[in-house]
Amino acid sequence: MDTPKLFSSFTFELKIVQAKTLLSKPPTRTNLFVRCYLPLGNSNKKSNIVLNTREIATRNDIVWNESFSLECYGTEGPMDIAKLGQQSLVLELRMRKRVQIFGATLGGSKILGMAEIPLKEVLESPNMVFDKWVTLVATRGHALGGVKQAELKVEISARVLKEETQEKRRLVRMRKKREECGCKDGHDHGCSYDDYDVFALAAALEAF
C-alpha cells in the first residue's frame, strides 16, 4: 500500500488568457466572460469557489489576460495530494446581453460551452505548470450555437508545501514573537485545523 503524500498548503495560480474560434456572427450588444469553479474538497458544485473574469464585448478581440491567485489550507491537519487530484476545475464560457440601466450592465448570462480540467493533470504536469488550449464542449440543454470548436487558452500553476516545511515556518514565527515581546510562552495564533473536508481559501484577483 502506497504511503499518502501529505502537504499542509496548496497555492494555485489560474490565468485566463484568451478565447478563439468563437461566434461566426456575434450578436450585437453582447459580452463574453469566463466563469471558474474551484472545488472546495468535495463534489458539491454549490460549495465551490466561483470566480468571474471581466466582461468583453463580442466585437472586440477576446483577450482577458486575467489572473486569479488562491491559497488553500487543510483545516484538520495535512492534506492528501491524491485526494486533491480527484477534484476538477470547471470553466464556463458565458455570453450576456448588454442592458444598461443607470450605467450598470444587467441581465442573465447564457452558457456557450464548458471545459473540465482535472487537478491531477495539473499536479502531474512538469513543474506543476499547465499551459494549454482547452476545448469547450456543449453542456446538456445548451448548444454551442454558431460556435465552431471554441477554445480557451489557460495557464495554471500549482505549488504544494510539505507539512514539515510549514511546521518549521511556524516555529520560526513563534521564536521571533518571543524575541520581540520577551515572553517565555509562544504567541502563535495561526489557523487551527478543525475541518478536513473544507479548504480555507483566500482569493485575490489581479488583472494583467
N, C-alpha and C. Protein backbone atom coordinates (compact mmCIF):
# COMPACT_ATOMS: atom_id res chain seq x y z
N MET A 1 0.85 -1.19 0.00
CA MET A 1 0.00 0.00 0.00
C MET A 1 0.88 1.24 0.00
N ASP A 2 0.62 2.19 -0.91
CA ASP A 2 1.44 3.38 -1.01
C ASP A 2 1.20 4.30 0.18
N THR A 3 2.28 4.96 0.63
CA THR A 3 2.16 5.93 1.70
C THR A 3 1.60 7.23 1.14
N PRO A 4 0.55 7.79 1.77
CA PRO A 4 -0.03 9.02 1.25
C PRO A 4 1.00 10.15 1.23
N LYS A 5 0.96 10.97 0.17
CA LYS A 5 1.82 12.14 0.10
C LYS A 5 1.06 13.32 0.68
N LEU A 6 1.52 13.78 1.85
CA LEU A 6 0.79 14.80 2.59
C LEU A 6 1.41 16.17 2.39
N PHE A 7 0.58 17.19 2.47
CA PHE A 7 1.07 18.56 2.40
C PHE A 7 0.15 19.43 3.23
N SER A 8 0.63 20.61 3.62
CA SER A 8 -0.13 21.46 4.52
C SER A 8 -0.83 22.61 3.81
N SER A 9 -0.30 23.04 2.66
CA SER A 9 -0.97 24.11 1.94
C SER A 9 -0.74 23.95 0.45
N PHE A 10 -1.59 24.61 -0.32
CA PHE A 10 -1.61 24.44 -1.76
C PHE A 10 -1.84 25.81 -2.39
N THR A 11 -0.88 26.29 -3.18
CA THR A 11 -1.01 27.57 -3.86
C THR A 11 -1.39 27.33 -5.31
N PHE A 12 -2.39 28.05 -5.77
CA PHE A 12 -2.99 27.80 -7.08
C PHE A 12 -3.07 29.11 -7.84
N GLU A 13 -2.45 29.16 -9.02
CA GLU A 13 -2.49 30.35 -9.87
C GLU A 13 -3.21 29.99 -11.17
N LEU A 14 -4.27 30.70 -11.47
CA LEU A 14 -5.05 30.45 -12.68
C LEU A 14 -5.07 31.72 -13.52
N LYS A 15 -4.71 31.58 -14.79
CA LYS A 15 -4.75 32.72 -15.71
C LYS A 15 -5.61 32.37 -16.91
N ILE A 16 -6.65 33.15 -17.13
CA ILE A 16 -7.49 33.02 -18.32
C ILE A 16 -6.92 33.98 -19.36
N VAL A 17 -6.35 33.43 -20.42
CA VAL A 17 -5.64 34.27 -21.38
C VAL A 17 -6.57 34.80 -22.46
N GLN A 18 -7.14 33.90 -23.28
CA GLN A 18 -7.98 34.35 -24.38
C GLN A 18 -8.84 33.21 -24.90
N ALA A 19 -9.77 33.55 -25.79
CA ALA A 19 -10.62 32.55 -26.45
C ALA A 19 -10.46 32.72 -27.96
N LYS A 20 -10.69 31.63 -28.68
CA LYS A 20 -10.62 31.71 -30.14
C LYS A 20 -11.68 30.81 -30.76
N THR A 21 -11.91 31.00 -32.07
CA THR A 21 -12.92 30.27 -32.84
C THR A 21 -14.27 30.40 -32.17
N LEU A 22 -14.72 31.64 -32.09
CA LEU A 22 -15.98 31.89 -31.41
C LEU A 22 -17.13 32.06 -32.41
N LEU A 23 -18.06 32.89 -32.06
CA LEU A 23 -19.26 33.06 -32.89
C LEU A 23 -18.89 33.63 -34.26
N SER A 24 -19.39 32.99 -35.32
CA SER A 24 -19.12 33.48 -36.67
C SER A 24 -19.79 34.83 -36.92
N LYS A 25 -21.00 35.00 -36.39
CA LYS A 25 -21.71 36.27 -36.46
C LYS A 25 -22.22 36.62 -35.06
N PRO A 26 -21.36 37.23 -34.24
CA PRO A 26 -21.75 37.50 -32.86
C PRO A 26 -22.92 38.46 -32.78
N PRO A 27 -23.87 38.23 -31.89
CA PRO A 27 -24.99 39.15 -31.72
C PRO A 27 -24.49 40.52 -31.29
N THR A 28 -25.24 41.55 -31.62
CA THR A 28 -24.86 42.89 -31.21
C THR A 28 -25.15 43.08 -29.73
N ARG A 29 -24.40 43.99 -29.13
CA ARG A 29 -24.59 44.37 -27.72
C ARG A 29 -24.54 43.16 -26.79
N THR A 30 -23.52 42.34 -26.98
CA THR A 30 -23.33 41.20 -26.08
C THR A 30 -21.89 41.18 -25.56
N ASN A 31 -21.72 40.63 -24.36
CA ASN A 31 -20.42 40.49 -23.73
C ASN A 31 -20.10 39.02 -23.51
N LEU A 32 -18.82 38.70 -23.48
CA LEU A 32 -18.36 37.36 -23.14
C LEU A 32 -17.52 37.42 -21.87
N PHE A 33 -17.64 36.39 -21.04
CA PHE A 33 -16.78 36.27 -19.86
C PHE A 33 -16.64 34.80 -19.51
N VAL A 34 -15.69 34.49 -18.66
CA VAL A 34 -15.44 33.11 -18.22
C VAL A 34 -15.77 33.01 -16.74
N ARG A 35 -16.53 31.98 -16.41
CA ARG A 35 -16.84 31.67 -15.01
C ARG A 35 -16.05 30.43 -14.60
N CYS A 36 -15.36 30.52 -13.48
CA CYS A 36 -14.49 29.43 -12.99
C CYS A 36 -15.05 28.87 -11.69
N TYR A 37 -15.05 27.55 -11.58
CA TYR A 37 -15.47 26.87 -10.36
C TYR A 37 -14.27 26.11 -9.81
N LEU A 38 -13.81 26.51 -8.63
CA LEU A 38 -12.70 25.82 -7.99
C LEU A 38 -13.23 24.96 -6.86
N PRO A 39 -12.94 23.65 -6.84
CA PRO A 39 -13.51 22.76 -5.82
C PRO A 39 -13.00 23.07 -4.43
N LEU A 40 -13.89 22.85 -3.44
CA LEU A 40 -13.54 23.05 -2.03
C LEU A 40 -13.33 21.72 -1.31
N GLY A 41 -12.92 20.70 -2.03
CA GLY A 41 -12.63 19.43 -1.37
C GLY A 41 -13.77 18.46 -1.38
N ASN A 42 -14.89 18.78 -2.06
CA ASN A 42 -15.99 17.84 -2.17
C ASN A 42 -16.60 17.98 -3.56
N SER A 43 -17.56 17.14 -3.87
CA SER A 43 -18.12 17.09 -5.22
C SER A 43 -19.35 17.98 -5.38
N ASN A 44 -19.70 18.75 -4.36
CA ASN A 44 -20.89 19.59 -4.43
C ASN A 44 -20.55 20.91 -5.11
N LYS A 45 -21.04 21.09 -6.33
CA LYS A 45 -20.71 22.29 -7.10
C LYS A 45 -21.16 23.56 -6.39
N LYS A 46 -22.24 23.49 -5.62
CA LYS A 46 -22.76 24.67 -4.96
C LYS A 46 -21.79 25.20 -3.91
N SER A 47 -20.88 24.37 -3.41
CA SER A 47 -19.95 24.81 -2.39
C SER A 47 -18.61 25.25 -2.97
N ASN A 48 -18.51 25.27 -4.31
CA ASN A 48 -17.27 25.67 -4.93
C ASN A 48 -17.06 27.18 -4.86
N ILE A 49 -15.80 27.58 -4.94
CA ILE A 49 -15.48 28.99 -5.12
C ILE A 49 -15.81 29.35 -6.57
N VAL A 50 -16.54 30.45 -6.78
CA VAL A 50 -16.94 30.87 -8.12
C VAL A 50 -16.26 32.21 -8.42
N LEU A 51 -15.53 32.25 -9.53
CA LEU A 51 -14.82 33.45 -9.94
C LEU A 51 -15.19 33.80 -11.38
N ASN A 52 -15.38 35.07 -11.65
CA ASN A 52 -15.71 35.54 -13.00
C ASN A 52 -14.63 36.48 -13.52
N THR A 53 -14.31 36.34 -14.80
CA THR A 53 -13.45 37.33 -15.44
C THR A 53 -14.29 38.58 -15.74
N ARG A 54 -13.63 39.63 -16.17
CA ARG A 54 -14.37 40.80 -16.61
C ARG A 54 -15.08 40.48 -17.93
N GLU A 55 -16.06 41.25 -18.27
CA GLU A 55 -16.84 41.03 -19.49
C GLU A 55 -16.23 41.83 -20.65
N ILE A 56 -16.16 41.18 -21.83
CA ILE A 56 -15.58 41.79 -23.02
C ILE A 56 -16.63 41.78 -24.13
N ALA A 57 -16.77 42.89 -24.82
CA ALA A 57 -17.73 42.98 -25.93
C ALA A 57 -17.33 42.01 -27.03
N THR A 58 -18.31 41.34 -27.63
CA THR A 58 -18.03 40.32 -28.64
C THR A 58 -17.42 40.92 -29.91
N ARG A 59 -17.56 42.20 -30.12
CA ARG A 59 -16.98 42.81 -31.32
C ARG A 59 -15.46 43.01 -31.18
N ASN A 60 -14.94 42.86 -29.96
CA ASN A 60 -13.52 43.06 -29.72
C ASN A 60 -12.77 41.73 -29.73
N ASP A 61 -11.44 41.80 -29.73
CA ASP A 61 -10.63 40.59 -29.55
C ASP A 61 -10.93 40.02 -28.17
N ILE A 62 -11.11 38.70 -28.11
CA ILE A 62 -11.49 38.07 -26.83
C ILE A 62 -10.23 37.71 -26.06
N VAL A 63 -9.64 38.71 -25.45
CA VAL A 63 -8.42 38.54 -24.67
C VAL A 63 -8.65 39.10 -23.27
N TRP A 64 -8.46 38.25 -22.25
CA TRP A 64 -8.63 38.68 -20.87
C TRP A 64 -7.28 38.93 -20.18
N ASN A 65 -6.37 37.97 -20.29
CA ASN A 65 -5.10 38.03 -19.55
C ASN A 65 -5.37 38.37 -18.08
N GLU A 66 -6.30 37.63 -17.51
CA GLU A 66 -6.73 37.88 -16.14
C GLU A 66 -6.31 36.72 -15.24
N SER A 67 -5.78 37.05 -14.07
CA SER A 67 -5.23 36.01 -13.18
C SER A 67 -5.98 35.97 -11.85
N PHE A 68 -6.10 34.74 -11.33
CA PHE A 68 -6.67 34.51 -10.01
C PHE A 68 -5.63 33.76 -9.18
N SER A 69 -5.41 34.21 -7.97
CA SER A 69 -4.44 33.56 -7.10
C SER A 69 -5.16 33.09 -5.84
N LEU A 70 -5.02 31.80 -5.54
CA LEU A 70 -5.69 31.24 -4.37
C LEU A 70 -4.71 30.42 -3.55
N GLU A 71 -4.91 30.44 -2.24
CA GLU A 71 -4.09 29.64 -1.35
C GLU A 71 -5.02 28.79 -0.49
N CYS A 72 -4.82 27.48 -0.51
CA CYS A 72 -5.72 26.54 0.16
C CYS A 72 -5.00 25.92 1.35
N TYR A 73 -5.73 25.77 2.45
CA TYR A 73 -5.18 25.13 3.64
C TYR A 73 -6.11 24.01 4.08
N GLY A 74 -5.54 22.87 4.46
CA GLY A 74 -6.33 21.83 5.09
C GLY A 74 -6.65 22.28 6.50
N THR A 75 -7.89 22.14 6.92
CA THR A 75 -8.28 22.67 8.22
C THR A 75 -8.34 21.60 9.31
N GLU A 76 -7.85 20.41 9.01
CA GLU A 76 -7.76 19.38 10.05
C GLU A 76 -6.49 18.58 9.83
N GLY A 77 -5.38 19.28 9.85
CA GLY A 77 -4.11 18.61 9.64
C GLY A 77 -3.73 18.55 8.17
N PRO A 78 -2.70 17.78 7.84
CA PRO A 78 -2.19 17.73 6.47
C PRO A 78 -3.19 17.12 5.50
N MET A 79 -3.09 17.52 4.23
CA MET A 79 -3.98 17.03 3.19
C MET A 79 -3.27 15.99 2.34
N ASP A 80 -4.03 15.10 1.76
CA ASP A 80 -3.51 14.04 0.90
C ASP A 80 -3.55 14.53 -0.54
N ILE A 81 -2.41 14.58 -1.19
CA ILE A 81 -2.34 15.10 -2.54
C ILE A 81 -3.14 14.24 -3.53
N ALA A 82 -3.28 12.94 -3.22
CA ALA A 82 -4.06 12.05 -4.10
C ALA A 82 -5.54 12.46 -4.08
N LYS A 83 -6.05 12.84 -2.90
CA LYS A 83 -7.45 13.28 -2.82
C LYS A 83 -7.65 14.60 -3.54
N LEU A 84 -6.66 15.48 -3.43
CA LEU A 84 -6.75 16.75 -4.15
C LEU A 84 -6.81 16.50 -5.65
N GLY A 85 -6.04 15.51 -6.12
CA GLY A 85 -6.01 15.20 -7.55
C GLY A 85 -7.31 14.65 -8.09
N GLN A 86 -8.22 14.24 -7.20
CA GLN A 86 -9.53 13.73 -7.64
C GLN A 86 -10.51 14.85 -7.98
N GLN A 87 -10.16 16.09 -7.64
CA GLN A 87 -11.03 17.22 -7.90
C GLN A 87 -10.77 17.78 -9.30
N SER A 88 -11.68 18.62 -9.76
CA SER A 88 -11.55 19.21 -11.09
C SER A 88 -11.89 20.70 -11.05
N LEU A 89 -11.24 21.43 -11.92
CA LEU A 89 -11.55 22.84 -12.13
C LEU A 89 -12.49 22.92 -13.34
N VAL A 90 -13.58 23.65 -13.21
CA VAL A 90 -14.55 23.78 -14.29
C VAL A 90 -14.56 25.22 -14.80
N LEU A 91 -14.49 25.36 -16.13
CA LEU A 91 -14.53 26.67 -16.77
C LEU A 91 -15.75 26.75 -17.68
N GLU A 92 -16.45 27.85 -17.63
CA GLU A 92 -17.62 28.07 -18.48
C GLU A 92 -17.44 29.37 -19.26
N LEU A 93 -17.61 29.29 -20.56
CA LEU A 93 -17.65 30.50 -21.38
C LEU A 93 -19.10 30.95 -21.45
N ARG A 94 -19.35 32.20 -21.06
CA ARG A 94 -20.72 32.70 -20.98
C ARG A 94 -20.89 33.99 -21.79
N MET A 95 -22.11 34.20 -22.26
CA MET A 95 -22.46 35.39 -23.02
C MET A 95 -23.62 36.10 -22.32
N ARG A 96 -23.51 37.43 -22.26
CA ARG A 96 -24.57 38.22 -21.63
C ARG A 96 -24.93 39.41 -22.53
N LYS A 97 -26.22 39.63 -22.72
CA LYS A 97 -26.66 40.81 -23.46
C LYS A 97 -26.45 42.05 -22.60
N ARG A 98 -25.96 43.10 -23.25
CA ARG A 98 -25.69 44.33 -22.52
C ARG A 98 -26.97 45.16 -22.43
N VAL A 99 -27.50 45.25 -21.23
CA VAL A 99 -28.65 46.09 -20.95
C VAL A 99 -28.23 47.11 -19.91
N GLN A 100 -28.05 48.34 -20.33
CA GLN A 100 -27.54 49.38 -19.45
C GLN A 100 -28.69 50.08 -18.72
N ILE A 101 -28.63 50.03 -17.39
CA ILE A 101 -29.58 50.76 -16.55
C ILE A 101 -28.78 51.52 -15.50
N PHE A 102 -28.83 52.83 -15.58
CA PHE A 102 -28.08 53.69 -14.68
C PHE A 102 -26.59 53.33 -14.68
N GLY A 103 -26.08 53.01 -15.88
CA GLY A 103 -24.65 52.75 -16.01
C GLY A 103 -24.23 51.34 -15.68
N ALA A 104 -25.14 50.50 -15.20
CA ALA A 104 -24.80 49.12 -14.84
C ALA A 104 -25.33 48.16 -15.90
N THR A 105 -24.53 47.09 -16.18
CA THR A 105 -24.95 46.06 -17.13
C THR A 105 -25.76 45.00 -16.40
N LEU A 106 -27.00 44.84 -16.82
CA LEU A 106 -27.90 43.90 -16.16
C LEU A 106 -28.28 42.77 -17.11
N GLY A 107 -28.91 41.74 -16.55
CA GLY A 107 -29.38 40.62 -17.36
C GLY A 107 -28.61 39.35 -17.06
N GLY A 108 -29.29 38.22 -17.25
CA GLY A 108 -28.67 36.93 -17.03
C GLY A 108 -27.71 36.56 -18.15
N SER A 109 -26.92 35.52 -17.92
CA SER A 109 -25.95 35.08 -18.92
C SER A 109 -26.33 33.70 -19.45
N LYS A 110 -25.85 33.41 -20.65
CA LYS A 110 -26.10 32.12 -21.29
C LYS A 110 -24.78 31.39 -21.47
N ILE A 111 -24.75 30.14 -21.11
CA ILE A 111 -23.52 29.35 -21.24
C ILE A 111 -23.34 28.91 -22.69
N LEU A 112 -22.15 29.14 -23.24
CA LEU A 112 -21.84 28.72 -24.60
C LEU A 112 -21.12 27.37 -24.62
N GLY A 113 -20.36 27.09 -23.58
CA GLY A 113 -19.63 25.82 -23.52
C GLY A 113 -18.82 25.76 -22.25
N MET A 114 -18.34 24.56 -21.94
CA MET A 114 -17.58 24.39 -20.71
C MET A 114 -16.42 23.44 -20.92
N ALA A 115 -15.45 23.53 -20.03
CA ALA A 115 -14.30 22.63 -20.03
C ALA A 115 -14.01 22.23 -18.58
N GLU A 116 -13.61 20.98 -18.40
CA GLU A 116 -13.28 20.47 -17.08
C GLU A 116 -11.83 20.02 -17.08
N ILE A 117 -11.05 20.56 -16.14
CA ILE A 117 -9.62 20.26 -16.06
C ILE A 117 -9.36 19.54 -14.73
N PRO A 118 -9.04 18.25 -14.75
CA PRO A 118 -8.73 17.54 -13.51
C PRO A 118 -7.47 18.13 -12.86
N LEU A 119 -7.53 18.37 -11.55
CA LEU A 119 -6.36 18.89 -10.87
C LEU A 119 -5.20 17.89 -10.92
N LYS A 120 -5.52 16.61 -11.10
CA LYS A 120 -4.47 15.60 -11.24
C LYS A 120 -3.60 15.91 -12.44
N GLU A 121 -4.22 16.38 -13.53
CA GLU A 121 -3.46 16.71 -14.73
C GLU A 121 -2.52 17.89 -14.47
N VAL A 122 -2.97 18.82 -13.64
CA VAL A 122 -2.10 19.96 -13.28
C VAL A 122 -0.95 19.49 -12.40
N LEU A 123 -1.27 18.68 -11.39
CA LEU A 123 -0.26 18.21 -10.45
C LEU A 123 0.80 17.33 -11.11
N GLU A 124 0.40 16.64 -12.19
CA GLU A 124 1.32 15.75 -12.87
C GLU A 124 2.05 16.41 -14.04
N SER A 125 1.76 17.69 -14.29
CA SER A 125 2.44 18.42 -15.36
C SER A 125 3.86 18.77 -14.91
N PRO A 126 4.81 18.93 -15.85
CA PRO A 126 6.18 19.32 -15.47
C PRO A 126 6.18 20.59 -14.65
N ASN A 127 6.82 20.53 -13.48
CA ASN A 127 6.90 21.68 -12.56
C ASN A 127 5.52 22.16 -12.12
N MET A 128 4.52 21.28 -12.25
CA MET A 128 3.14 21.61 -11.88
C MET A 128 2.66 22.85 -12.62
N VAL A 129 2.99 22.95 -13.90
CA VAL A 129 2.56 24.07 -14.73
C VAL A 129 1.75 23.53 -15.91
N PHE A 130 0.51 23.94 -16.01
CA PHE A 130 -0.41 23.54 -17.07
C PHE A 130 -0.62 24.74 -17.97
N ASP A 131 -0.24 24.63 -19.24
CA ASP A 131 -0.33 25.75 -20.18
C ASP A 131 -0.84 25.20 -21.51
N LYS A 132 -2.17 25.28 -21.72
CA LYS A 132 -2.76 24.64 -22.88
C LYS A 132 -3.99 25.40 -23.39
N TRP A 133 -4.36 25.08 -24.62
CA TRP A 133 -5.67 25.43 -25.14
C TRP A 133 -6.62 24.30 -24.76
N VAL A 134 -7.73 24.63 -24.13
CA VAL A 134 -8.71 23.61 -23.75
C VAL A 134 -9.96 23.80 -24.60
N THR A 135 -10.52 22.70 -25.05
CA THR A 135 -11.70 22.73 -25.92
C THR A 135 -12.98 22.83 -25.10
N LEU A 136 -13.86 23.71 -25.51
CA LEU A 136 -15.15 23.87 -24.86
C LEU A 136 -16.17 22.95 -25.51
N VAL A 137 -16.96 22.29 -24.69
CA VAL A 137 -17.99 21.40 -25.20
C VAL A 137 -19.35 21.88 -24.72
N ALA A 138 -20.39 21.52 -25.48
CA ALA A 138 -21.75 21.90 -25.11
C ALA A 138 -22.18 21.11 -23.88
N THR A 139 -22.93 21.75 -23.01
CA THR A 139 -23.50 21.07 -21.85
C THR A 139 -24.93 20.65 -22.17
N ARG A 140 -25.46 19.76 -21.36
CA ARG A 140 -26.81 19.26 -21.61
C ARG A 140 -27.81 20.40 -21.52
N GLY A 141 -28.62 20.53 -22.54
CA GLY A 141 -29.62 21.59 -22.56
C GLY A 141 -29.12 22.89 -23.15
N HIS A 142 -27.83 22.92 -23.51
CA HIS A 142 -27.27 24.13 -24.11
C HIS A 142 -26.50 23.74 -25.36
N ALA A 143 -26.64 24.52 -26.40
CA ALA A 143 -25.94 24.25 -27.65
C ALA A 143 -24.93 25.34 -27.93
N LEU A 144 -23.83 24.96 -28.56
CA LEU A 144 -22.83 25.93 -28.97
C LEU A 144 -23.26 26.54 -30.30
N GLY A 145 -24.36 27.26 -30.26
CA GLY A 145 -24.89 27.81 -31.49
C GLY A 145 -23.93 28.79 -32.14
N GLY A 146 -23.56 28.53 -33.40
CA GLY A 146 -22.68 29.41 -34.12
C GLY A 146 -21.23 29.32 -33.71
N VAL A 147 -20.91 28.39 -32.82
CA VAL A 147 -19.54 28.27 -32.34
C VAL A 147 -18.91 27.01 -32.92
N LYS A 148 -17.75 27.15 -33.53
CA LYS A 148 -17.05 26.02 -34.09
C LYS A 148 -15.84 25.68 -33.24
N GLN A 149 -15.93 24.64 -32.44
CA GLN A 149 -14.82 24.16 -31.63
C GLN A 149 -14.13 25.31 -30.89
N ALA A 150 -14.90 26.03 -30.09
CA ALA A 150 -14.35 27.13 -29.32
C ALA A 150 -13.31 26.61 -28.33
N GLU A 151 -12.27 27.41 -28.09
CA GLU A 151 -11.19 27.02 -27.19
C GLU A 151 -10.82 28.18 -26.27
N LEU A 152 -10.30 27.81 -25.11
CA LEU A 152 -9.78 28.79 -24.15
C LEU A 152 -8.31 28.51 -23.91
N LYS A 153 -7.51 29.58 -23.90
CA LYS A 153 -6.10 29.46 -23.53
C LYS A 153 -6.00 29.67 -22.03
N VAL A 154 -5.50 28.63 -21.33
CA VAL A 154 -5.47 28.63 -19.87
C VAL A 154 -4.06 28.33 -19.38
N GLU A 155 -3.63 29.05 -18.37
CA GLU A 155 -2.35 28.77 -17.71
C GLU A 155 -2.62 28.53 -16.22
N ILE A 156 -2.17 27.39 -15.73
CA ILE A 156 -2.37 27.03 -14.32
C ILE A 156 -1.03 26.59 -13.74
N SER A 157 -0.70 27.11 -12.58
CA SER A 157 0.49 26.65 -11.88
C SER A 157 0.11 26.33 -10.44
N ALA A 158 0.74 25.32 -9.89
CA ALA A 158 0.43 24.89 -8.53
C ALA A 158 1.72 24.68 -7.75
N ARG A 159 1.63 24.85 -6.43
CA ARG A 159 2.78 24.60 -5.56
C ARG A 159 2.25 24.06 -4.24
N VAL A 160 2.81 22.97 -3.80
CA VAL A 160 2.40 22.39 -2.52
C VAL A 160 3.52 22.58 -1.50
N LEU A 161 3.12 22.79 -0.26
CA LEU A 161 4.08 22.98 0.82
C LEU A 161 3.95 21.80 1.78
N LYS A 162 5.04 21.06 1.97
CA LYS A 162 5.01 19.90 2.84
C LYS A 162 4.76 20.33 4.29
N GLU A 163 4.17 19.42 5.04
CA GLU A 163 3.80 19.75 6.41
C GLU A 163 5.01 20.11 7.25
N GLU A 164 6.13 19.36 7.05
CA GLU A 164 7.29 19.65 7.88
C GLU A 164 7.85 21.03 7.60
N THR A 165 7.74 21.48 6.33
CA THR A 165 8.19 22.83 5.99
C THR A 165 7.30 23.86 6.66
N GLN A 166 5.99 23.61 6.63
CA GLN A 166 5.05 24.51 7.29
C GLN A 166 5.32 24.57 8.79
N GLU A 167 5.64 23.44 9.41
CA GLU A 167 5.90 23.41 10.84
C GLU A 167 7.16 24.20 11.17
N LYS A 168 8.19 24.07 10.34
CA LYS A 168 9.42 24.85 10.56
C LYS A 168 9.13 26.34 10.51
N ARG A 169 8.32 26.75 9.56
CA ARG A 169 7.97 28.17 9.46
C ARG A 169 7.21 28.64 10.69
N ARG A 170 6.32 27.78 11.19
CA ARG A 170 5.55 28.15 12.38
C ARG A 170 6.46 28.33 13.57
N LEU A 171 7.44 27.43 13.74
CA LEU A 171 8.38 27.54 14.86
C LEU A 171 9.23 28.80 14.75
N VAL A 172 9.62 29.15 13.53
CA VAL A 172 10.40 30.38 13.34
C VAL A 172 9.57 31.59 13.74
N ARG A 173 8.28 31.60 13.36
CA ARG A 173 7.43 32.72 13.74
C ARG A 173 7.28 32.82 15.26
N MET A 174 7.13 31.65 15.91
CA MET A 174 6.99 31.65 17.36
C MET A 174 8.25 32.21 18.02
N ARG A 175 9.41 31.81 17.52
CA ARG A 175 10.67 32.28 18.11
C ARG A 175 10.81 33.79 17.94
N LYS A 176 10.44 34.30 16.77
CA LYS A 176 10.53 35.73 16.53
C LYS A 176 9.61 36.51 17.45
N LYS A 177 8.40 35.97 17.68
CA LYS A 177 7.46 36.66 18.56
C LYS A 177 7.96 36.68 20.00
N ARG A 178 8.57 35.56 20.42
CA ARG A 178 9.12 35.53 21.79
C ARG A 178 10.23 36.55 21.94
N GLU A 179 11.06 36.67 20.91
CA GLU A 179 12.17 37.62 20.97
C GLU A 179 11.68 39.06 20.98
N GLU A 180 10.55 39.30 20.27
CA GLU A 180 10.04 40.66 20.20
C GLU A 180 9.38 41.11 21.50
N CYS A 181 8.65 40.18 22.18
CA CYS A 181 7.92 40.60 23.37
C CYS A 181 8.58 40.15 24.66
N GLY A 182 9.56 39.27 24.58
CA GLY A 182 10.25 38.82 25.78
C GLY A 182 9.50 37.80 26.59
N CYS A 183 8.40 37.29 26.06
CA CYS A 183 7.62 36.30 26.79
C CYS A 183 8.25 34.92 26.66
N LYS A 184 8.00 34.08 27.64
CA LYS A 184 8.51 32.72 27.60
C LYS A 184 7.62 31.82 26.76
N ASP A 185 6.31 32.12 26.76
CA ASP A 185 5.37 31.29 26.01
C ASP A 185 5.22 31.83 24.60
N GLY A 186 4.99 30.91 23.68
CA GLY A 186 4.79 31.32 22.29
C GLY A 186 3.46 32.01 22.11
N HIS A 187 3.38 32.87 21.11
CA HIS A 187 2.16 33.63 20.83
C HIS A 187 1.66 33.34 19.43
N ASP A 188 1.87 32.12 18.98
CA ASP A 188 1.44 31.77 17.63
C ASP A 188 -0.03 31.43 17.63
N HIS A 189 -0.84 32.26 17.00
CA HIS A 189 -2.29 32.03 16.97
C HIS A 189 -2.75 31.86 15.53
N GLY A 190 -2.07 31.01 14.83
CA GLY A 190 -2.43 30.75 13.43
C GLY A 190 -3.71 29.96 13.33
N CYS A 191 -4.11 29.67 12.10
CA CYS A 191 -5.36 28.93 11.86
C CYS A 191 -5.26 27.52 12.45
N SER A 192 -6.29 27.11 13.13
CA SER A 192 -6.34 25.75 13.63
C SER A 192 -6.97 24.85 12.59
N TYR A 193 -6.68 23.56 12.66
CA TYR A 193 -7.21 22.59 11.70
C TYR A 193 -8.43 21.92 12.29
N ASP A 194 -9.61 22.42 11.92
CA ASP A 194 -10.84 21.93 12.53
C ASP A 194 -11.66 21.03 11.60
N ASP A 195 -11.56 21.26 10.32
CA ASP A 195 -12.47 20.60 9.40
C ASP A 195 -11.72 20.20 8.14
N TYR A 196 -11.46 18.91 7.97
CA TYR A 196 -10.65 18.45 6.84
C TYR A 196 -11.34 18.63 5.50
N ASP A 197 -12.67 18.48 5.49
CA ASP A 197 -13.37 18.43 4.21
C ASP A 197 -13.45 19.77 3.51
N VAL A 198 -13.22 20.85 4.24
CA VAL A 198 -13.38 22.18 3.64
C VAL A 198 -12.04 22.88 3.63
N PHE A 199 -11.66 23.40 2.48
CA PHE A 199 -10.46 24.20 2.36
C PHE A 199 -10.79 25.64 2.75
N ALA A 200 -9.86 26.28 3.48
CA ALA A 200 -9.98 27.71 3.71
C ALA A 200 -9.22 28.38 2.58
N LEU A 201 -9.91 29.15 1.77
CA LEU A 201 -9.29 29.74 0.58
C LEU A 201 -9.32 31.26 0.67
N ALA A 202 -8.22 31.86 0.29
CA ALA A 202 -8.17 33.30 0.14
C ALA A 202 -7.94 33.58 -1.33
N ALA A 203 -8.82 34.38 -1.94
CA ALA A 203 -8.73 34.62 -3.38
C ALA A 203 -8.44 36.08 -3.65
N ALA A 204 -7.53 36.33 -4.55
CA ALA A 204 -7.21 37.69 -4.96
C ALA A 204 -7.20 37.73 -6.47
N LEU A 205 -7.88 38.71 -7.04
CA LEU A 205 -7.96 38.84 -8.49
C LEU A 205 -7.02 39.93 -8.95
N GLU A 206 -6.17 39.59 -9.89
CA GLU A 206 -5.22 40.57 -10.42
C GLU A 206 -5.30 40.56 -11.94
N ALA A 207 -5.62 41.69 -12.51
CA ALA A 207 -5.69 41.80 -13.98
C ALA A 207 -4.34 42.25 -14.50
N PHE A 208 -3.79 41.48 -15.43
CA PHE A 208 -2.51 41.84 -16.01
C PHE A 208 -2.72 42.91 -17.08
